Amino acid sequence: MATIEILTDRIMPISDVKKNPMSLAESTKEKAVAVLNRNKPVMYCLSPEAFESMLDQIEDAKLAKLALERLNDGQKSVSVDLDEL
């Protein structure tokens, strides 16, 4: 039998989701919930706030990578006096 990693400690069987979808939505207020079908995760459900936070973190990581690339691109930096802008 294969070992399956579930990336959260909260789970819900898909049969429960089918019976009452809003119970899944209510369960995501604190943490992500893994929905299981035959004891295997088929999806993860997040609250809108957690999803927005995740997207913000991804965007921050992309911007940090871009900033590092620009710092290391070999171009000279330019000193600027803020009062002159």
PDB file of N, CA and C in Angstrom:
ATOM      1  N   MET A   1       0.851  -1.194   0.000  1.00  0.00           N
ATOM      2  CA  MET A   1       0.000   0.000   0.000  1.00  0.00           C
ATOM      3  C   MET A   1       0.886   1.243   0.000  1.00  0.00           C
ATOM      4  N   ALA A   2       0.577   2.185  -0.857  1.00  0.00           N
ATOM      5  CA  ALA A   2       1.351   3.414  -0.979  1.00  0.00           C
ATOM      6  C   ALA A   2       0.983   4.396   0.132  1.00  0.00           C
ATOM      7  N   THR A   3       1.971   5.156   0.534  1.00  0.00           N
ATOM      8  CA  THR A   3       1.744   6.207   1.521  1.00  0.00           C
ATOM      9  C   THR A   3       1.381   7.485   0.779  1.00  0.00           C
ATOM     10  N   ILE A   4       0.359   8.163   1.261  1.00  0.00           N
ATOM     11  CA  ILE A   4      -0.108   9.389   0.622  1.00  0.00           C
ATOM     12  C   ILE A   4       0.047  10.529   1.617  1.00  0.00           C
ATOM     13  N   GLU A   5       0.687  11.597   1.180  1.00  0.00           N
ATOM     14  CA  GLU A   5       0.870  12.755   2.043  1.00  0.00           C
ATOM     15  C   GLU A   5      -0.368  13.649   1.964  1.00  0.00           C
ATOM     16  N   ILE A   6      -0.892  13.997   3.112  1.00  0.00           N
ATOM     17  CA  ILE A   6      -2.003  14.947   3.198  1.00  0.00           C
ATOM     18  C   ILE A   6      -1.443  16.193   3.855  1.00  0.00           C
ATOM     19  N   LEU A   7      -1.553  17.311   3.179  1.00  0.00           N
ATOM     20  CA  LEU A   7      -0.853  18.527   3.573  1.00  0.00           C
ATOM     21  C   LEU A   7      -1.607  19.392   4.580  1.00  0.00           C
ATOM     22  N   THR A   8      -2.527  18.816   5.292  1.00  0.00           N
ATOM     23  CA  THR A   8      -3.241  19.514   6.359  1.00  0.00           C
ATOM     24  C   THR A   8      -3.718  18.472   7.357  1.00  0.00           C
ATOM     25  N   ASP A   9      -4.011  18.911   8.549  1.00  0.00           N
ATOM     26  CA  ASP A   9      -4.491  17.953   9.545  1.00  0.00           C
ATOM     27  C   ASP A   9      -6.021  17.928   9.635  1.00  0.00           C
ATOM     28  N   ARG A  10      -6.663  18.624   8.718  1.00  0.00           N
ATOM     29  CA  ARG A  10      -8.132  18.626   8.671  1.00  0.00           C
ATOM     30  C   ARG A  10      -8.582  17.925   7.404  1.00  0.00           C
ATOM     31  N   ILE A  11      -9.470  16.957   7.549  1.00  0.00           N
ATOM     32  CA  ILE A  11      -9.962  16.202   6.397  1.00  0.00           C
ATOM     33  C   ILE A  11     -11.479  16.113   6.440  1.00  0.00           C
ATOM     34  N   MET A  12     -12.050  15.862   5.255  1.00  0.00           N
ATOM     35  CA  MET A  12     -13.490  15.660   5.156  1.00  0.00           C
ATOM     36  C   MET A  12     -13.745  14.695   4.003  1.00  0.00           C
ATOM     37  N   PRO A  13     -14.525  13.658   4.227  1.00  0.00           N
ATOM     38  CA  PRO A  13     -14.851  12.745   3.125  1.00  0.00           C
ATOM     39  C   PRO A  13     -15.730  13.446   2.087  1.00  0.00           C
ATOM     40  N   ILE A  14     -15.541  13.083   0.833  1.00  0.00           N
ATOM     41  CA  ILE A  14     -16.309  13.718  -0.237  1.00  0.00           C
ATOM     42  C   ILE A  14     -17.805  13.442  -0.085  1.00  0.00           C
ATOM     43  N   SER A  15     -18.157  12.313   0.524  1.00  0.00           N
ATOM     44  CA  SER A  15     -19.576  12.014   0.739  1.00  0.00           C
ATOM     45  C   SER A  15     -20.210  13.056   1.669  1.00  0.00           C
ATOM     46  N   ASP A  16     -19.455  13.539   2.667  1.00  0.00           N
ATOM     47  CA  ASP A  16     -19.971  14.594   3.549  1.00  0.00           C
ATOM     48  C   ASP A  16     -20.116  15.914   2.805  1.00  0.00           C
ATOM     49  N   VAL A  17     -19.189  16.179   1.889  1.00  0.00           N
ATOM     50  CA  VAL A  17     -19.262  17.408   1.091  1.00  0.00           C
ATOM     51  C   VAL A  17     -20.499  17.381   0.200  1.00  0.00           C
ATOM     52  N   LYS A  18     -20.778  16.217  -0.390  1.00  0.00           N
ATOM     53  CA  LYS A  18     -21.960  16.084  -1.244  1.00  0.00           C
ATOM     54  C   LYS A  18     -23.243  16.307  -0.455  1.00  0.00           C
ATOM     55  N   LYS A  19     -23.277  15.817   0.776  1.00  0.00           N
ATOM     56  CA  LYS A  19     -24.472  15.974   1.607  1.00  0.00           C
ATOM     57  C   LYS A  19     -24.679  17.410   2.045  1.00  0.00           C
ATOM     58  N   ASN A  20     -23.569  18.086   2.390  1.00  0.00           N
ATOM     59  CA  ASN A  20     -23.678  19.436   2.926  1.00  0.00           C
ATOM     60  C   ASN A  20     -22.446  20.249   2.517  1.00  0.00           C
ATOM     61  N   PRO A  21     -22.447  20.824   1.322  1.00  0.00           N
ATOM     62  CA  PRO A  21     -21.278  21.571   0.847  1.00  0.00           C
ATOM     63  C   PRO A  21     -20.892  22.743   1.752  1.00  0.00           C
ATOM     64  N   MET A  22     -21.871  23.353   2.385  1.00  0.00           N
ATOM     65  CA  MET A  22     -21.556  24.501   3.236  1.00  0.00           C
ATOM     66  C   MET A  22     -20.772  24.088   4.479  1.00  0.00           C
ATOM     67  N   SER A  23     -20.870  22.832   4.888  1.00  0.00           N
ATOM     68  CA  SER A  23     -20.083  22.388   6.037  1.00  0.00           C
ATOM     69  C   SER A  23     -18.590  22.443   5.694  1.00  0.00           C
ATOM     70  N   LEU A  24     -18.259  22.184   4.430  1.00  0.00           N
ATOM     71  CA  LEU A  24     -16.869  22.303   3.999  1.00  0.00           C
ATOM     72  C   LEU A  24     -16.432  23.765   4.057  1.00  0.00           C
ATOM     73  N   ALA A  25     -17.255  24.644   3.543  1.00  0.00           N
ATOM     74  CA  ALA A  25     -16.927  26.074   3.556  1.00  0.00           C
ATOM     75  C   ALA A  25     -16.743  26.577   4.986  1.00  0.00           C
ATOM     76  N   GLU A  26     -17.584  26.135   5.881  1.00  0.00           N
ATOM     77  CA  GLU A  26     -17.476  26.561   7.281  1.00  0.00           C
ATOM     78  C   GLU A  26     -16.231  25.984   7.945  1.00  0.00           C
ATOM     79  N   SER A  27     -15.805  24.813   7.519  1.00  0.00           N
ATOM     80  CA  SER A  27     -14.630  24.171   8.106  1.00  0.00           C
ATOM     81  C   SER A  27     -13.328  24.848   7.712  1.00  0.00           C
ATOM     82  N   THR A  28     -13.339  25.642   6.652  1.00  0.00           N
ATOM     83  CA  THR A  28     -12.102  26.250   6.158  1.00  0.00           C
ATOM     84  C   THR A  28     -11.776  27.561   6.849  1.00  0.00           C
ATOM     85  N   LYS A  29     -12.588  27.996   7.773  1.00  0.00           N
ATOM     86  CA  LYS A  29     -12.343  29.291   8.411  1.00  0.00           C
ATOM     87  C   LYS A  29     -11.031  29.310   9.182  1.00  0.00           C
ATOM     88  N   GLU A  30     -10.644  28.184   9.751  1.00  0.00           N
ATOM     89  CA  GLU A  30      -9.424  28.136  10.547  1.00  0.00           C
ATOM     90  C   GLU A  30      -8.222  27.642   9.749  1.00  0.00           C
ATOM     91  N   LYS A  31      -8.418  26.601   8.945  1.00  0.00           N
ATOM     92  CA  LYS A  31      -7.327  25.956   8.217  1.00  0.00           C
ATOM     93  C   LYS A  31      -7.843  25.360   6.922  1.00  0.00           C
ATOM     94  N   ALA A  32      -6.899  24.982   6.059  1.00  0.00           N
ATOM     95  CA  ALA A  32      -7.269  24.276   4.834  1.00  0.00           C
ATOM     96  C   ALA A  32      -7.830  22.903   5.193  1.00  0.00           C
ATOM     97  N   VAL A  33      -8.724  22.413   4.355  1.00  0.00           N
ATOM     98  CA  VAL A  33      -9.342  21.104   4.547  1.00  0.00           C
ATOM     99  C   VAL A  33      -9.057  20.257   3.311  1.00  0.00           C
ATOM    100  N   ALA A  34      -8.578  19.036   3.539  1.00  0.00           N
ATOM    101  CA  ALA A  34      -8.383  18.084   2.440  1.00  0.00           C
ATOM    102  C   ALA A  34      -9.664  17.293   2.263  1.00  0.00           C
ATOM    103  N   VAL A  35     -10.164  17.241   1.039  1.00  0.00           N
ATOM    104  CA  VAL A  35     -11.351  16.441   0.734  1.00  0.00           C
ATOM    105  C   VAL A  35     -10.859  15.103   0.210  1.00  0.00           C
ATOM    106  N   LEU A  36     -11.330  14.029   0.848  1.00  0.00           N
ATOM    107  CA  LEU A  36     -10.864  12.688   0.500  1.00  0.00           C
ATOM    108  C   LEU A  36     -11.924  11.906  -0.261  1.00  0.00           C
ATOM    109  N   ASN A  37     -11.469  11.174  -1.264  1.00  0.00           N
ATOM    110  CA  ASN A  37     -12.297  10.229  -1.980  1.00  0.00           C
ATOM    111  C   ASN A  37     -11.563   8.886  -1.930  1.00  0.00           C
ATOM    112  N   ARG A  38     -12.176   7.904  -1.292  1.00  0.00           N
ATOM    113  CA  ARG A  38     -11.546   6.599  -1.084  1.00  0.00           C
ATOM    114  C   ARG A  38     -10.201   6.738  -0.387  1.00  0.00           C
ATOM    115  N   ASN A  39     -10.190   7.586   0.633  1.00  0.00           N
ATOM    116  CA  ASN A  39      -9.023   7.826   1.486  1.00  0.00           C
ATOM    117  C   ASN A  39      -7.834   8.447   0.763  1.00  0.00           C
ATOM    118  N   LYS A  40      -8.080   9.110  -0.353  1.00  0.00           N
ATOM    119  CA  LYS A  40      -7.039   9.833  -1.070  1.00  0.00           C
ATOM    120  C   LYS A  40      -7.490  11.273  -1.252  1.00  0.00           C
ATOM    121  N   PRO A  41      -6.587  12.230  -1.061  1.00  0.00           N
ATOM    122  CA  PRO A  41      -6.980  13.626  -1.256  1.00  0.00           C
ATOM    123  C   PRO A  41      -7.282  13.910  -2.724  1.00  0.00           C
ATOM    124  N   VAL A  42      -8.433  14.518  -2.970  1.00  0.00           N
ATOM    125  CA  VAL A  42      -8.812  14.894  -4.337  1.00  0.00           C
ATOM    126  C   VAL A  42      -8.814  16.406  -4.524  1.00  0.00           C
ATOM    127  N   MET A  43      -8.849  17.154  -3.422  1.00  0.00           N
ATOM    128  CA  MET A  43      -8.750  18.604  -3.491  1.00  0.00           C
ATOM    129  C   MET A  43      -8.532  19.162  -2.091  1.00  0.00           C
ATOM    130  N   TYR A  44      -8.082  20.394  -2.061  1.00  0.00           N
ATOM    131  CA  TYR A  44      -7.942  21.134  -0.815  1.00  0.00           C
ATOM    132  C   TYR A  44      -8.847  22.349  -0.913  1.00  0.00           C
ATOM    133  N   CYS A  45      -9.476  22.685   0.169  1.00  0.00           N
ATOM    134  CA  CYS A  45     -10.374  23.824   0.194  1.00  0.00           C
ATOM    135  C   CYS A  45      -9.836  24.842   1.198  1.00  0.00           C
ATOM    136  N   LEU A  46      -9.781  26.113   0.769  1.00  0.00           N
ATOM    137  CA  LEU A  46      -9.283  27.207   1.598  1.00  0.00           C
ATOM    138  C   LEU A  46     -10.356  28.270   1.752  1.00  0.00           C
ATOM    139  N   SER A  47     -10.251  29.027   2.821  1.00  0.00           N
ATOM    140  CA  SER A  47     -11.126  30.181   2.963  1.00  0.00           C
ATOM    141  C   SER A  47     -10.684  31.249   1.974  1.00  0.00           C
ATOM    142  N   PRO A  48     -11.553  32.176   1.614  1.00  0.00           N
ATOM    143  CA  PRO A  48     -11.145  33.258   0.705  1.00  0.00           C
ATOM    144  C   PRO A  48      -9.962  34.056   1.262  1.00  0.00           C
ATOM    145  N   GLU A  49      -9.931  34.248   2.571  1.00  0.00           N
ATOM    146  CA  GLU A  49      -8.829  34.999   3.193  1.00  0.00           C
ATOM    147  C   GLU A  49      -7.504  34.246   3.056  1.00  0.00           C
ATOM    148  N   ALA A  50      -7.533  32.945   3.290  1.00  0.00           N
ATOM    149  CA  ALA A  50      -6.313  32.138   3.174  1.00  0.00           C
ATOM    150  C   ALA A  50      -5.836  32.109   1.723  1.00  0.00           C
ATOM    151  N   PHE A  51      -6.770  32.015   0.778  1.00  0.00           N
ATOM    152  CA  PHE A  51      -6.411  31.996  -0.639  1.00  0.00           C
ATOM    153  C   PHE A  51      -5.776  33.328  -1.040  1.00  0.00           C
ATOM    154  N   GLU A  52      -6.358  34.431  -0.590  1.00  0.00           N
ATOM    155  CA  GLU A  52      -5.814  35.755  -0.897  1.00  0.00           C
ATOM    156  C   GLU A  52      -4.415  35.902  -0.296  1.00  0.00           C
ATOM    157  N   SER A  53      -4.239  35.434   0.925  1.00  0.00           N
ATOM    158  CA  SER A  53      -2.929  35.492   1.568  1.00  0.00           C
ATOM    159  C   SER A  53      -1.906  34.673   0.787  1.00  0.00           C
ATOM    160  N   MET A  54      -2.303  33.506   0.312  1.00  0.00           N
ATOM    161  CA  MET A  54      -1.417  32.649  -0.465  1.00  0.00           C
ATOM    162  C   MET A  54      -1.014  33.351  -1.770  1.00  0.00           C
ATOM    163  N   LEU A  55      -1.972  33.975  -2.445  1.00  0.00           N
ATOM    164  CA  LEU A  55      -1.666  34.699  -3.676  1.00  0.00           C
ATOM    165  C   LEU A  55      -0.723  35.871  -3.412  1.00  0.00           C
ATOM    166  N   ASP A  56      -0.921  36.579  -2.293  1.00  0.00           N
ATOM    167  CA  ASP A  56      -0.024  37.676  -1.922  1.00  0.00           C
ATOM    168  C   ASP A  56       1.399  37.170  -1.699  1.00  0.00           C
ATOM    169  N   GLN A  57       1.535  36.027  -1.039  1.00  0.00           N
ATOM    170  CA  GLN A  57       2.862  35.458  -0.790  1.00  0.00           C
ATOM    171  C   GLN A  57       3.537  35.041  -2.088  1.00  0.00           C
ATOM    172  N   ILE A  58       2.775  34.490  -3.008  1.00  0.00           N
ATOM    173  CA  ILE A  58       3.333  34.106  -4.313  1.00  0.00           C
ATOM    174  C   ILE A  58       3.796  35.349  -5.067  1.00  0.00           C
ATOM    175  N   GLU A  59       2.971  36.400  -5.046  1.00  0.00           N
ATOM    176  CA  GLU A  59       3.350  37.638  -5.730  1.00  0.00           C
ATOM    177  C   GLU A  59       4.603  38.247  -5.100  1.00  0.00           C
ATOM    178  N   ASP A  60       4.680  38.238  -3.759  1.00  0.00           N
ATOM    179  CA  ASP A  60       5.860  38.763  -3.071  1.00  0.00           C
ATOM    180  C   ASP A  60       7.113  37.980  -3.459  1.00  0.00           C
ATOM    181  N   ALA A  61       6.993  36.659  -3.558  1.00  0.00           N
ATOM    182  CA  ALA A  61       8.139  35.826  -3.945  1.00  0.00           C
ATOM    183  C   ALA A  61       8.583  36.142  -5.372  1.00  0.00           C
ATOM    184  N   LYS A  62       7.627  36.344  -6.278  1.00  0.00           N
ATOM    185  CA  LYS A  62       7.972  36.694  -7.660  1.00  0.00           C
ATOM    186  C   LYS A  62       8.669  38.051  -7.729  1.00  0.00           C
ATOM    187  N   LEU A  63       8.158  39.018  -6.948  1.00  0.00           N
ATOM    188  CA  LEU A  63       8.767  40.352  -6.944  1.00  0.00           C
ATOM    189  C   LEU A  63      10.163  40.306  -6.336  1.00  0.00           C
ATOM    190  N   ALA A  64      10.360  39.500  -5.294  1.00  0.00           N
ATOM    191  CA  ALA A  64      11.681  39.368  -4.681  1.00  0.00           C
ATOM    192  C   ALA A  64      12.665  38.757  -5.680  1.00  0.00           C
ATOM    193  N   LYS A  65      12.218  37.765  -6.417  1.00  0.00           N
ATOM    194  CA  LYS A  65      13.073  37.133  -7.435  1.00  0.00           C
ATOM    195  C   LYS A  65      13.447  38.142  -8.514  1.00  0.00           C
ATOM    196  N   LEU A  66      12.477  38.922  -8.958  1.00  0.00           N
ATOM    197  CA  LEU A  66      12.728  39.946  -9.975  1.00  0.00           C
ATOM    198  C   LEU A  66      13.715  40.988  -9.456  1.00  0.00           C
ATOM    199  N   ALA A  67      13.546  41.414  -8.213  1.00  0.00           N
ATOM    200  CA  ALA A  67      14.455  42.403  -7.629  1.00  0.00           C
ATOM    201  C   ALA A  67      15.877  41.858  -7.563  1.00  0.00           C
ATOM    202  N   LEU A  68      16.028  40.598  -7.169  1.00  0.00           N
ATOM    203  CA  LEU A  68      17.365  39.996  -7.118  1.00  0.00           C
ATOM    204  C   LEU A  68      17.974  39.878  -8.504  1.00  0.00           C
ATOM    205  N   GLU A  69      17.169  39.516  -9.495  1.00  0.00           N
ATOM    206  CA  GLU A  69      17.672  39.436 -10.868  1.00  0.00           C
ATOM    207  C   GLU A  69      18.162  40.801 -11.342  1.00  0.00           C
ATOM    208  N   ARG A  70      17.422  41.833 -11.010  1.00  0.00           N
ATOM    209  CA  ARG A  70      17.808  43.184 -11.443  1.00  0.00           C
ATOM    210  C   ARG A  70      19.050  43.661 -10.710  1.00  0.00           C
ATOM    211  N   LEU A  71      19.207  43.252  -9.449  1.00  0.00           N
ATOM    212  CA  LEU A  71      20.415  43.624  -8.707  1.00  0.00           C
ATOM    213  C   LEU A  71      21.647  42.948  -9.293  1.00  0.00           C
ATOM    214  N   ASN A  72      21.459  41.765  -9.813  1.00  0.00           N
ATOM    215  CA  ASN A  72      22.587  40.975 -10.308  1.00  0.00           C
ATOM    216  C   ASN A  72      22.755  41.028 -11.817  1.00  0.00           C
ATOM    217  N   ASP A  73      22.083  41.958 -12.489  1.00  0.00           N
ATOM    218  CA  ASP A  73      22.156  41.967 -13.954  1.00  0.00           C
ATOM    219  C   ASP A  73      23.404  42.679 -14.489  1.00  0.00           C
ATOM    220  N   GLY A  74      24.237  43.202 -13.620  1.00  0.00           N
ATOM    221  CA  GLY A  74      25.500  43.793 -14.052  1.00  0.00           C
ATOM    222  C   GLY A  74      25.424  45.266 -14.401  1.00  0.00           C
ATOM    223  N   GLN A  75      24.268  45.856 -14.354  1.00  0.00           N
ATOM    224  CA  GLN A  75      24.154  47.275 -14.659  1.00  0.00           C
ATOM    225  C   GLN A  75      24.570  48.096 -13.448  1.00  0.00           C
ATOM    226  N   LYS A  76      25.088  49.281 -13.746  1.00  0.00           N
ATOM    227  CA  LYS A  76      25.499  50.174 -12.667  1.00  0.00           C
ATOM    228  C   LYS A  76      24.265  50.773 -11.999  1.00  0.00           C
ATOM    229  N   SER A  77      24.375  50.960 -10.709  1.00  0.00           N
ATOM    230  CA  SER A  77      23.285  51.623 -10.000  1.00  0.00           C
ATOM    231  C   SER A  77      23.466  53.133 -10.126  1.00  0.00           C
ATOM    232  N   VAL A  78      22.384  53.847  -9.952  1.00  0.00           N
ATOM    233  CA  VAL A  78      22.391  55.297 -10.075  1.00  0.00           C
ATOM    234  C   VAL A  78      21.947  55.882  -8.749  1.00  0.00           C
ATOM    235  N   SER A  79      22.737  56.805  -8.220  1.00  0.00           N
ATOM    236  CA  SER A  79      22.355  57.483  -6.979  1.00  0.00           C
ATOM    237  C   SER A  79      21.382  58.603  -7.312  1.00  0.00           C
ATOM    238  N   VAL A  80      20.348  58.729  -6.522  1.00  0.00           N
ATOM    239  CA  VAL A  80      19.324  59.734  -6.761  1.00  0.00           C
ATOM    240  C   VAL A  80      19.038  60.448  -5.456  1.00  0.00           C
ATOM    241  N   ASP A  81      18.928  61.758  -5.526  1.00  0.00           N
ATOM    242  CA  ASP A  81      18.535  62.550  -4.363  1.00  0.00           C
ATOM    243  C   ASP A  81      17.014  62.692  -4.402  1.00  0.00           C
ATOM    244  N   LEU A  82      16.359  62.248  -3.355  1.00  0.00           N
ATOM    245  CA  LEU A  82      14.888  62.299  -3.345  1.00  0.00           C
ATOM    246  C   LEU A  82      14.331  63.699  -3.510  1.00  0.00           C
ATOM    247  N   ASP A  83      15.072  64.713  -3.053  1.00  0.00           N
ATOM    248  CA  ASP A  83      14.599  66.091  -3.195  1.00  0.00           C
ATOM    249  C   ASP A  83      14.588  66.543  -4.651  1.00  0.00           C
ATOM    250  N   GLU A  84      15.389  65.906  -5.491  1.00  0.00           N
ATOM    251  CA  GLU A  84      15.455  66.277  -6.902  1.00  0.00           C
ATOM    252  C   GLU A  84      14.341  65.629  -7.737  1.00  0.00           C
ATOM    253  N   LEU A  85      13.666  64.662  -7.173  1.00  0.00           N
ATOM    254  CA  LEU A  85      12.613  63.981  -7.930  1.00  0.00           C
ATOM    255  C   LEU A  85      11.350  64.769  -8.019  1.00  0.00           C
TER     256      LEU A  85
END
